[in-house]
């Protein structure tokens, strides 16, 4: 479960950086 959370967090961060 922990690995999944880290993966999702990384994807969200990448998406956030792409937006700005």
PDB file of N, CA and C in Angstrom:
ATOM      1  N   UNK A   1       0.847  -1.209   0.000  1.00  0.00           N
ATOM      2  CA  UNK A   1       0.000   0.000   0.000  1.00  0.00           C
ATOM      3  C   UNK A   1       0.879   1.255   0.000  1.00  0.00           C
ATOM      4  N   UNK A   2       1.970   1.194   0.784  1.00  0.00           N
ATOM      5  CA  UNK A   2       2.854   2.366   0.845  1.00  0.00           C
ATOM      6  C   UNK A   2       3.419   2.728  -0.518  1.00  0.00           C
ATOM      7  N   UNK A   3       3.841   1.679  -1.265  1.00  0.00           N
ATOM      8  CA  UNK A   3       4.436   1.945  -2.597  1.00  0.00           C
ATOM      9  C   UNK A   3       3.411   2.598  -3.510  1.00  0.00           C
ATOM     10  N   UNK A   4       2.171   2.174  -3.399  1.00  0.00           N
ATOM     11  CA  UNK A   4       1.127   2.746  -4.256  1.00  0.00           C
ATOM     12  C   UNK A   4       0.943   4.228  -3.946  1.00  0.00           C
ATOM     13  N   UNK A   5       0.942   4.559  -2.654  1.00  0.00           N
ATOM     14  CA  UNK A   5       0.767   5.960  -2.255  1.00  0.00           C
ATOM     15  C   UNK A   5       1.907   6.812  -2.805  1.00  0.00           C
ATOM     16  N   UNK A   6       3.131   6.296  -2.705  1.00  0.00           N
ATOM     17  CA  UNK A   6       4.296   7.037  -3.210  1.00  0.00           C
ATOM     18  C   UNK A   6       4.176   7.229  -4.716  1.00  0.00           C
ATOM     19  N   UNK A   7       3.732   6.181  -5.424  1.00  0.00           N
ATOM     20  CA  UNK A   7       3.598   6.261  -6.875  1.00  0.00           C
ATOM     21  C   UNK A   7       2.563   7.307  -7.263  1.00  0.00           C
ATOM     22  N   UNK A   8       1.412   7.268  -6.579  1.00  0.00           N
ATOM     23  CA  UNK A   8       0.350   8.239  -6.868  1.00  0.00           C
ATOM     24  C   UNK A   8       0.841   9.656  -6.576  1.00  0.00           C
ATOM     25  N   UNK A   9       1.555   9.825  -5.461  1.00  0.00           N
ATOM     26  CA  UNK A   9       2.062  11.151  -5.095  1.00  0.00           C
ATOM     27  C   UNK A   9       3.021  11.661  -6.164  1.00  0.00           C
ATOM     28  N   UNK A  10       3.867  10.777  -6.699  1.00  0.00           N
ATOM     29  CA  UNK A  10       4.827  11.180  -7.732  1.00  0.00           C
ATOM     30  C   UNK A  10       4.083  11.609  -8.998  1.00  0.00           C
ATOM     31  N   UNK A  11       3.048  10.868  -9.367  1.00  0.00           N
ATOM     32  CA  UNK A  11       2.285  11.204 -10.575  1.00  0.00           C
ATOM     33  C   UNK A  11       1.588  12.550 -10.399  1.00  0.00           C
ATOM     34  N   UNK A  12       1.007  12.750  -9.231  1.00  0.00           N
ATOM     35  CA  UNK A  12       0.319  14.020  -8.960  1.00  0.00           C
ATOM     36  C   UNK A  12       1.308  15.179  -9.023  1.00  0.00           C
ATOM     37  N   UNK A  13       2.498  14.968  -8.457  1.00  0.00           N
ATOM     38  CA  UNK A  13       3.519  16.024  -8.468  1.00  0.00           C
ATOM     39  C   UNK A  13       3.919  16.348  -9.904  1.00  0.00           C
ATOM     40  N   UNK A  14       4.098  15.309 -10.722  1.00  0.00           N
ATOM     41  CA  UNK A  14       4.464  15.534 -12.124  1.00  0.00           C
ATOM     42  C   UNK A  14       3.359  16.298 -12.842  1.00  0.00           C
ATOM     43  N   UNK A  15       2.113  15.919 -12.584  1.00  0.00           N
ATOM     44  CA  UNK A  15       0.980  16.600 -13.212  1.00  0.00           C
ATOM     45  C   UNK A  15       0.936  18.059 -12.779  1.00  0.00           C
ATOM     46  N   UNK A  16       1.194  18.295 -11.485  1.00  0.00           N
ATOM     47  CA  UNK A  16       1.175  19.657 -10.949  1.00  0.00           C
ATOM     48  C   UNK A  16       2.261  20.508 -11.607  1.00  0.00           C
ATOM     49  N   UNK A  17       3.439  19.905 -11.770  1.00  0.00           N
ATOM     50  CA  UNK A  17       4.557  20.644 -12.383  1.00  0.00           C
ATOM     51  C   UNK A  17       4.253  20.937 -13.850  1.00  0.00           C
ATOM     52  N   UNK A  18       3.560  20.009 -14.524  1.00  0.00           N
ATOM     53  CA  UNK A  18       3.241  20.216 -15.940  1.00  0.00           C
ATOM     54  C   UNK A  18       2.244  21.340 -16.109  1.00  0.00           C
ATOM     55  N   UNK A  19       1.339  21.483 -15.120  1.00  0.00           N
ATOM     56  CA  UNK A  19       0.319  22.534 -15.187  1.00  0.00           C
ATOM     57  C   UNK A  19       0.973  23.906 -15.086  1.00  0.00           C
ATOM     58  N   UNK A  20       2.022  24.022 -14.216  1.00  0.00           N
ATOM     59  CA  UNK A  20       2.717  25.299 -14.034  1.00  0.00           C
ATOM     60  C   UNK A  20       4.089  25.302 -14.688  1.00  0.00           C
TER      61      UNK A  20
END
